[in-house]
Structure formats: C-alpha cells, structure tokens
Amino acid sequence: MSFPISPVIAQAAAPQPQGGGMSLIIMMVVLFGLMYFMMIRPQMKRQKEHRALIAGLAKGDEVVTNGGIAGRVDEVGETFITVEIAANVKVKVQKGAVQQVLPKGSLKSV
C-alpha cells in the first residue's frame, strides 16, 4: 500500500545551495567591520581625548565635573584634584570626574 504523502515529502526536500557558507562568513566580516567603524573606533577616540584632557590639567584651569560643579583647579594630585567652587570652598574630586576644561575667564565670581 502506497501513501500519496510520502512522494510529496520526498519532492519537497530541495538540495542545499552551493557556496552558502562562504557568503555567510563574508557577511559576518563586513558586519564586524561596520560595527568597529561605527561604534568601537569613535569610543576609543573619545577615551583618548579624555585621557589627554586629564593629563593636561594644571593649577588655575577652570573645569566642569560630571556632576555639573564648575570651579577653578587649586591643587593637582596623582588621582585627585582640588577644585575651588567659591571663595574658600574647596572640593576634592577624582581626575576622571572632570568632563571639560573651560576657557580662561569663564568663571568670574570664583
């Protein structure tokens, strides 16, 4: 006794296309390259700029921290800096907390 479904199932199985593995590898390499140039490389550039900013800190620089505190650098240590935010008010923060260095004269009342 022959069932009509078994020949249909046998015909439905199509052969695998040739060269499918190579195109998948090429697509993965292209996606990794795109991810590198769109995400990883700009982040590394920002980190390098921030390290240069931190290394260039000196007494008298006007800075803004990540918390939004603006002040003048009073003392520079190995890992910490002292920032004067008002007359005789000094705050000690980590060097990494400095977000940007302001142009001279930005803070007039400190």
N, C-alpha and C. Protein backbone atom coordinates (compact mmCIF):
# COMPACT_ATOMS: atom_id res chain seq x y z
N MET A 1 0.81 -1.16 0.00
CA MET A 1 0.00 0.00 0.00
C MET A 1 0.88 1.25 0.00
N SER A 2 0.59 2.11 -0.91
CA SER A 2 1.38 3.32 -1.08
C SER A 2 0.58 4.52 -0.62
N PHE A 3 1.24 5.35 0.19
CA PHE A 3 0.59 6.58 0.66
C PHE A 3 0.98 7.73 -0.25
N PRO A 4 0.04 8.59 -0.63
CA PRO A 4 0.36 9.68 -1.55
C PRO A 4 1.22 10.78 -0.92
N ILE A 5 1.33 10.84 0.39
CA ILE A 5 2.09 11.91 1.03
C ILE A 5 3.59 11.66 0.94
N SER A 6 4.04 10.45 1.02
CA SER A 6 5.48 10.18 1.03
C SER A 6 6.18 10.66 -0.25
N PRO A 7 5.64 10.51 -1.46
CA PRO A 7 6.33 11.09 -2.62
C PRO A 7 6.33 12.62 -2.60
N VAL A 8 5.31 13.22 -2.03
CA VAL A 8 5.26 14.69 -1.95
C VAL A 8 6.34 15.19 -1.01
N ILE A 9 6.52 14.55 0.12
CA ILE A 9 7.55 14.96 1.07
C ILE A 9 8.93 14.78 0.45
N ALA A 10 9.10 13.70 -0.27
CA ALA A 10 10.40 13.47 -0.91
C ALA A 10 10.68 14.52 -1.96
N GLN A 11 9.69 15.00 -2.66
CA GLN A 11 9.92 16.02 -3.68
C GLN A 11 10.12 17.40 -3.07
N ALA A 12 9.56 17.65 -1.89
CA ALA A 12 9.64 18.97 -1.28
C ALA A 12 11.04 19.26 -0.75
N ALA A 13 11.82 18.26 -0.45
CA ALA A 13 13.16 18.49 0.07
C ALA A 13 14.07 18.97 -1.05
N ALA A 14 14.41 20.25 -1.02
CA ALA A 14 15.25 20.84 -2.06
C ALA A 14 16.72 20.70 -1.65
N PRO A 15 17.62 20.57 -2.60
CA PRO A 15 19.04 20.48 -2.28
C PRO A 15 19.56 21.82 -1.75
N GLN A 16 20.57 21.78 -0.88
CA GLN A 16 21.16 22.98 -0.30
C GLN A 16 21.95 23.73 -1.38
N PRO A 17 21.86 25.06 -1.39
CA PRO A 17 22.61 25.84 -2.38
C PRO A 17 24.11 25.75 -2.10
N GLN A 18 24.90 25.75 -3.14
CA GLN A 18 26.35 25.67 -3.02
C GLN A 18 26.93 27.05 -2.70
N GLY A 19 27.99 27.10 -1.89
CA GLY A 19 28.65 28.37 -1.57
C GLY A 19 27.93 29.19 -0.53
N GLY A 20 26.98 28.65 0.18
CA GLY A 20 26.24 29.41 1.19
C GLY A 20 27.09 29.74 2.41
N GLY A 21 28.03 28.90 2.74
CA GLY A 21 28.88 29.13 3.90
C GLY A 21 29.85 30.28 3.70
N MET A 22 30.37 30.42 2.51
CA MET A 22 31.34 31.49 2.24
C MET A 22 30.67 32.86 2.28
N SER A 23 29.48 32.98 1.75
CA SER A 23 28.80 34.27 1.77
C SER A 23 28.43 34.66 3.21
N LEU A 24 28.13 33.69 4.05
CA LEU A 24 27.83 33.96 5.45
C LEU A 24 29.07 34.51 6.16
N ILE A 25 30.22 33.93 5.90
CA ILE A 25 31.46 34.40 6.52
C ILE A 25 31.78 35.82 6.06
N ILE A 26 31.62 36.09 4.78
CA ILE A 26 31.89 37.43 4.25
C ILE A 26 30.93 38.45 4.88
N MET A 27 29.67 38.09 5.02
CA MET A 27 28.70 38.99 5.62
C MET A 27 29.04 39.27 7.09
N MET A 28 29.50 38.26 7.83
CA MET A 28 29.88 38.46 9.22
C MET A 28 31.08 39.39 9.34
N VAL A 29 32.06 39.24 8.45
CA VAL A 29 33.24 40.11 8.47
C VAL A 29 32.84 41.55 8.16
N VAL A 30 31.97 41.74 7.18
CA VAL A 30 31.50 43.08 6.83
C VAL A 30 30.73 43.70 7.99
N LEU A 31 29.89 42.94 8.66
CA LEU A 31 29.14 43.47 9.81
C LEU A 31 30.07 43.83 10.96
N PHE A 32 31.09 43.00 11.21
CA PHE A 32 32.04 43.33 12.27
C PHE A 32 32.81 44.60 11.92
N GLY A 33 33.23 44.73 10.66
CA GLY A 33 33.93 45.94 10.25
C GLY A 33 33.07 47.18 10.38
N LEU A 34 31.82 47.07 10.01
CA LEU A 34 30.89 48.19 10.15
C LEU A 34 30.69 48.55 11.62
N MET A 35 30.54 47.55 12.48
CA MET A 35 30.37 47.80 13.91
C MET A 35 31.62 48.47 14.48
N TYR A 36 32.80 48.04 14.03
CA TYR A 36 34.04 48.64 14.51
C TYR A 36 34.11 50.12 14.17
N PHE A 37 33.82 50.47 12.91
CA PHE A 37 33.94 51.86 12.49
C PHE A 37 32.80 52.73 12.99
N MET A 38 31.66 52.16 13.32
CA MET A 38 30.52 52.96 13.77
C MET A 38 30.45 53.08 15.30
N MET A 39 30.96 52.08 16.04
CA MET A 39 30.79 52.09 17.49
C MET A 39 32.11 52.07 18.25
N ILE A 40 32.98 51.16 17.95
CA ILE A 40 34.18 50.96 18.76
C ILE A 40 35.22 52.06 18.54
N ARG A 41 35.50 52.39 17.30
CA ARG A 41 36.52 53.38 16.99
C ARG A 41 36.20 54.77 17.54
N PRO A 42 34.97 55.29 17.38
CA PRO A 42 34.67 56.60 17.98
C PRO A 42 34.79 56.61 19.50
N GLN A 43 34.41 55.51 20.15
CA GLN A 43 34.52 55.44 21.60
C GLN A 43 35.98 55.46 22.02
N MET A 44 36.84 54.76 21.31
CA MET A 44 38.26 54.77 21.63
C MET A 44 38.85 56.16 21.43
N LYS A 45 38.38 56.87 20.42
CA LYS A 45 38.85 58.23 20.16
C LYS A 45 38.45 59.17 21.30
N ARG A 46 37.21 59.04 21.79
CA ARG A 46 36.75 59.87 22.92
C ARG A 46 37.55 59.57 24.17
N GLN A 47 37.85 58.29 24.42
CA GLN A 47 38.64 57.92 25.59
C GLN A 47 40.05 58.51 25.51
N LYS A 48 40.64 58.49 24.34
CA LYS A 48 41.98 59.05 24.15
C LYS A 48 41.98 60.55 24.40
N GLU A 49 40.96 61.25 23.90
CA GLU A 49 40.85 62.69 24.12
C GLU A 49 40.65 63.01 25.60
N HIS A 50 39.86 62.19 26.30
CA HIS A 50 39.61 62.42 27.73
C HIS A 50 40.89 62.19 28.53
N ARG A 51 41.66 61.15 28.18
CA ARG A 51 42.94 60.91 28.87
C ARG A 51 43.89 62.08 28.67
N ALA A 52 43.92 62.65 27.47
CA ALA A 52 44.78 63.80 27.20
C ALA A 52 44.31 65.02 28.01
N LEU A 53 42.99 65.20 28.12
CA LEU A 53 42.44 66.30 28.90
C LEU A 53 42.83 66.15 30.38
N ILE A 54 42.73 64.95 30.92
CA ILE A 54 43.06 64.70 32.32
C ILE A 54 44.56 64.91 32.56
N ALA A 55 45.38 64.44 31.63
CA ALA A 55 46.83 64.58 31.80
C ALA A 55 47.27 66.04 31.72
N GLY A 56 46.53 66.87 31.02
CA GLY A 56 46.89 68.26 30.85
C GLY A 56 46.35 69.21 31.90
N LEU A 57 45.70 68.68 32.93
CA LEU A 57 45.15 69.56 33.98
C LEU A 57 46.27 70.23 34.75
N ALA A 58 46.10 71.51 35.04
CA ALA A 58 47.09 72.27 35.80
C ALA A 58 46.36 73.22 36.75
N LYS A 59 47.10 73.72 37.72
CA LYS A 59 46.53 74.65 38.68
C LYS A 59 46.08 75.91 37.95
N GLY A 60 44.86 76.37 38.26
CA GLY A 60 44.31 77.57 37.64
C GLY A 60 43.36 77.28 36.48
N ASP A 61 43.31 76.04 36.01
CA ASP A 61 42.37 75.69 34.94
C ASP A 61 40.94 75.75 35.48
N GLU A 62 40.03 76.18 34.65
CA GLU A 62 38.62 76.22 35.01
C GLU A 62 37.95 74.98 34.41
N VAL A 63 37.30 74.19 35.26
CA VAL A 63 36.78 72.89 34.83
C VAL A 63 35.32 72.72 35.22
N VAL A 64 34.67 71.76 34.57
CA VAL A 64 33.32 71.33 34.93
C VAL A 64 33.40 69.82 35.16
N THR A 65 32.85 69.36 36.28
CA THR A 65 32.87 67.93 36.59
C THR A 65 31.64 67.25 36.00
N ASN A 66 31.63 65.92 36.09
CA ASN A 66 30.48 65.16 35.61
C ASN A 66 29.21 65.51 36.38
N GLY A 67 29.34 65.91 37.61
CA GLY A 67 28.19 66.28 38.42
C GLY A 67 27.69 67.69 38.16
N GLY A 68 28.39 68.44 37.32
CA GLY A 68 27.96 69.79 36.98
C GLY A 68 28.59 70.87 37.83
N ILE A 69 29.55 70.51 38.66
CA ILE A 69 30.22 71.50 39.50
C ILE A 69 31.29 72.19 38.68
N ALA A 70 31.22 73.51 38.64
CA ALA A 70 32.21 74.30 37.91
C ALA A 70 33.09 75.02 38.91
N GLY A 71 34.38 75.03 38.64
CA GLY A 71 35.30 75.70 39.54
C GLY A 71 36.69 75.78 38.95
N ARG A 72 37.60 76.33 39.76
CA ARG A 72 38.99 76.51 39.34
C ARG A 72 39.85 75.48 40.07
N VAL A 73 40.75 74.83 39.33
CA VAL A 73 41.63 73.82 39.91
C VAL A 73 42.61 74.51 40.85
N ASP A 74 42.65 74.03 42.11
CA ASP A 74 43.51 74.62 43.11
C ASP A 74 44.74 73.76 43.36
N GLU A 75 44.56 72.45 43.27
CA GLU A 75 45.67 71.53 43.53
C GLU A 75 45.49 70.29 42.67
N VAL A 76 46.57 69.80 42.09
CA VAL A 76 46.53 68.61 41.24
C VAL A 76 47.37 67.53 41.89
N GLY A 77 46.74 66.38 42.18
CA GLY A 77 47.44 65.24 42.74
C GLY A 77 47.55 64.12 41.74
N GLU A 78 47.93 62.94 42.22
CA GLU A 78 48.09 61.79 41.34
C GLU A 78 46.74 61.32 40.80
N THR A 79 45.74 61.14 41.68
CA THR A 79 44.43 60.66 41.24
C THR A 79 43.30 61.64 41.57
N PHE A 80 43.57 62.62 42.42
CA PHE A 80 42.55 63.58 42.83
C PHE A 80 42.99 65.00 42.51
N ILE A 81 42.01 65.88 42.32
CA ILE A 81 42.29 67.31 42.19
C ILE A 81 41.39 68.05 43.18
N THR A 82 41.83 69.21 43.59
CA THR A 82 41.02 70.06 44.46
C THR A 82 40.49 71.20 43.61
N VAL A 83 39.17 71.36 43.63
CA VAL A 83 38.51 72.39 42.83
C VAL A 83 37.90 73.42 43.77
N GLU A 84 38.23 74.68 43.55
CA GLU A 84 37.64 75.76 44.35
C GLU A 84 36.39 76.23 43.63
N ILE A 85 35.23 76.01 44.29
CA ILE A 85 33.95 76.34 43.65
C ILE A 85 33.39 77.68 44.10
N ALA A 86 33.90 78.20 45.20
CA ALA A 86 33.54 79.53 45.70
C ALA A 86 34.71 79.99 46.56
N ALA A 87 34.63 81.24 47.04
CA ALA A 87 35.71 81.75 47.87
C ALA A 87 35.87 80.88 49.11
N ASN A 88 37.04 80.29 49.28
CA ASN A 88 37.39 79.42 50.42
C ASN A 88 36.52 78.17 50.51
N VAL A 89 35.90 77.74 49.44
CA VAL A 89 35.14 76.48 49.40
C VAL A 89 35.82 75.58 48.38
N LYS A 90 36.43 74.50 48.88
CA LYS A 90 37.19 73.60 48.00
C LYS A 90 36.61 72.20 48.09
N VAL A 91 36.57 71.54 46.93
CA VAL A 91 36.02 70.19 46.83
C VAL A 91 37.10 69.31 46.20
N LYS A 92 37.31 68.14 46.77
CA LYS A 92 38.28 67.21 46.21
C LYS A 92 37.52 66.19 45.37
N VAL A 93 37.89 66.05 44.10
CA VAL A 93 37.23 65.12 43.18
C VAL A 93 38.29 64.29 42.46
N GLN A 94 37.87 63.17 41.93
CA GLN A 94 38.78 62.35 41.13
C GLN A 94 39.06 63.06 39.80
N LYS A 95 40.24 62.81 39.28
CA LYS A 95 40.59 63.42 38.00
C LYS A 95 39.64 62.98 36.89
N GLY A 96 39.21 61.73 36.93
CA GLY A 96 38.31 61.20 35.91
C GLY A 96 36.94 61.85 35.90
N ALA A 97 36.59 62.56 36.97
CA ALA A 97 35.29 63.20 37.05
C ALA A 97 35.25 64.53 36.29
N VAL A 98 36.39 64.98 35.81
CA VAL A 98 36.42 66.23 35.04
C VAL A 98 35.87 65.95 33.65
N GLN A 99 34.85 66.70 33.29
CA GLN A 99 34.20 66.49 32.00
C GLN A 99 34.80 67.38 30.93
N GLN A 100 35.06 68.64 31.25
CA GLN A 100 35.62 69.56 30.26
C GLN A 100 36.40 70.66 30.95
N VAL A 101 37.32 71.24 30.21
CA VAL A 101 38.07 72.39 30.68
C VAL A 101 37.50 73.62 29.98
N LEU A 102 37.13 74.61 30.78
CA LEU A 102 36.53 75.83 30.24
C LEU A 102 37.62 76.82 29.82
N PRO A 103 37.30 77.73 28.92
CA PRO A 103 38.26 78.79 28.57
C PRO A 103 38.52 79.69 29.77
N LYS A 104 39.72 80.27 29.82
CA LYS A 104 40.07 81.16 30.93
C LYS A 104 39.10 82.33 31.00
N GLY A 105 38.69 82.69 32.20
CA GLY A 105 37.78 83.82 32.40
C GLY A 105 36.31 83.44 32.35
N SER A 106 35.99 82.17 32.18
CA SER A 106 34.59 81.76 32.14
C SER A 106 33.93 81.91 33.51
N LEU A 107 34.69 81.66 34.54
CA LEU A 107 34.16 81.79 35.90
C LEU A 107 34.67 83.10 36.47
N LYS A 108 33.81 84.06 36.67
CA LYS A 108 34.23 85.38 37.11
C LYS A 108 34.16 85.54 38.63
N SER A 109 33.21 84.89 39.27
CA SER A 109 32.99 85.13 40.70
C SER A 109 33.72 84.14 41.60
N VAL A 110 34.51 83.24 41.06
CA VAL A 110 35.21 82.26 41.92
C VAL A 110 36.50 82.83 42.36
